[in-house]
Protein backbone atom coordinates (compact mmCIF):
# COMPACT_ATOMS: atom_id res chain seq x y z
CA MET A 1 0.72 -4.85 -18.47
CA SER A 2 -2.38 -6.76 -19.41
CA ASP A 3 -5.66 -5.22 -18.29
CA LYS A 4 -6.72 -8.70 -17.14
CA LEU A 5 -3.63 -9.11 -14.95
CA PHE A 6 -3.95 -5.76 -13.16
CA PRO A 7 -7.08 -6.63 -11.08
CA PHE A 8 -5.30 -9.80 -9.94
CA ILE A 9 -2.32 -7.73 -8.77
CA LEU A 10 -4.57 -5.27 -6.88
CA SER A 11 -6.41 -8.18 -5.29
CA TYR A 12 -3.09 -9.65 -4.12
CA TYR A 13 -2.04 -6.36 -2.49
CA ASN A 14 -5.50 -5.93 -0.95
CA ARG A 15 -5.25 -9.35 0.73
CA GLU A 16 -1.71 -8.78 1.97
CA LEU A 17 -2.36 -5.27 3.30
CA VAL A 18 -5.59 -6.31 5.00
CA LYS A 19 -3.67 -9.07 6.82
CA LYS A 20 -1.02 -6.60 7.95
CA ILE A 21 -3.53 -3.96 9.09
CA CYS A 22 -5.59 -6.57 10.99
CA THR A 23 -2.51 -7.98 12.69
CA LYS A 24 -0.90 -4.69 13.67
CA TYR A 25 -3.97 -2.58 14.42
CA GLY A 26 -6.56 -5.19 15.42
CA GLU A 27 -9.04 -4.06 12.77
CA SER A 28 -11.66 -6.33 11.29
CA PRO A 29 -10.88 -7.46 7.73
CA MET A 30 -13.70 -5.35 6.26
CA ASN A 31 -12.63 -2.22 8.13
CA ALA A 32 -8.98 -2.84 7.22
CA LEU A 33 -9.96 -3.11 3.55
CA ARG A 34 -11.97 0.12 3.79
CA MET A 35 -9.02 1.87 5.43
CA PHE A 36 -6.66 0.71 2.71
CA ILE A 37 -8.80 1.38 -0.36
CA SER A 38 -9.73 4.86 0.87
CA SER A 39 -6.07 5.84 1.21
CA GLN A 40 -3.82 7.87 -1.06
CA THR A 41 -1.45 4.89 -0.98
CA TYR A 42 -4.10 2.72 -2.63
CA GLN A 43 -4.81 5.40 -5.22
CA MET A 44 -1.11 5.44 -6.08
CA LEU A 45 -1.00 1.64 -6.26
CA ALA A 46 -4.08 1.58 -8.52
CA ASP A 47 -2.48 4.09 -10.91
CA LYS A 48 -0.88 1.85 -13.56
CA SER A 49 1.44 4.64 -14.69
CA LEU A 50 3.23 4.63 -11.31
CA GLU A 51 4.07 0.90 -11.62
CA MET A 52 4.03 0.43 -7.85
CA TRP A 53 3.65 -3.34 -8.16
CA ASP A 54 7.47 -3.37 -8.04
CA PHE A 55 7.18 -2.70 -4.29
CA SER A 56 6.70 -5.56 -1.88
CA PRO A 57 3.56 -5.67 0.28
CA ALA A 58 5.82 -4.61 3.19
CA GLY A 59 6.83 -1.52 1.24
CA ILE A 60 3.22 -0.65 0.37
CA PHE A 61 2.28 -1.19 4.03
CA ASP A 62 5.08 1.18 5.09
CA MET A 63 3.71 3.81 2.70
CA TRP A 64 0.16 3.29 4.01
CA GLU A 65 1.33 3.47 7.61
CA ASN A 66 3.32 6.65 6.94
CA GLU A 67 0.22 8.14 5.36
CA ARG A 68 -1.79 7.19 8.44
CA ILE A 69 0.79 8.70 10.82
CA THR A 70 2.04 11.74 8.91
CA GLY A 71 -0.71 12.36 6.36
CA SER A 72 1.41 11.46 3.35
CA PRO A 73 2.70 8.15 1.95
CA GLU A 74 5.57 10.13 0.47
CA ASN A 75 7.18 10.22 3.93
CA SER A 76 7.95 6.51 3.59
CA LEU A 77 11.61 5.62 3.23
CA TYR A 78 10.57 3.53 0.22
CA LEU A 79 9.68 6.73 -1.62
CA ARG A 80 12.05 9.26 -0.08
CA ARG A 81 15.20 7.36 -1.06
CA ASP A 82 17.21 9.48 1.35
CA GLU A 83 20.54 8.72 2.99
CA TYR A 84 19.03 5.94 5.13
CA VAL A 85 18.11 3.77 2.15
CA GLY A 86 20.97 2.03 0.40
């Protein structure tokens, strides 16, 4: 992946996740952005080696929300790939 393209991809996810956090949790856009970029989910997304841009914004939001609720984004069905995911 081009180093020039990667910031564009992160910016896209930032915008989409901020919208989702604002809508669901009533946060201001700035606070929603702070919440997202300070998360383990964001750190995983920003790690090029994990190639998480294959996930939809809904999937990344699910990971972020699972991190918020359980303390770990790895509790998301998108990452667990257990019997409930086909």
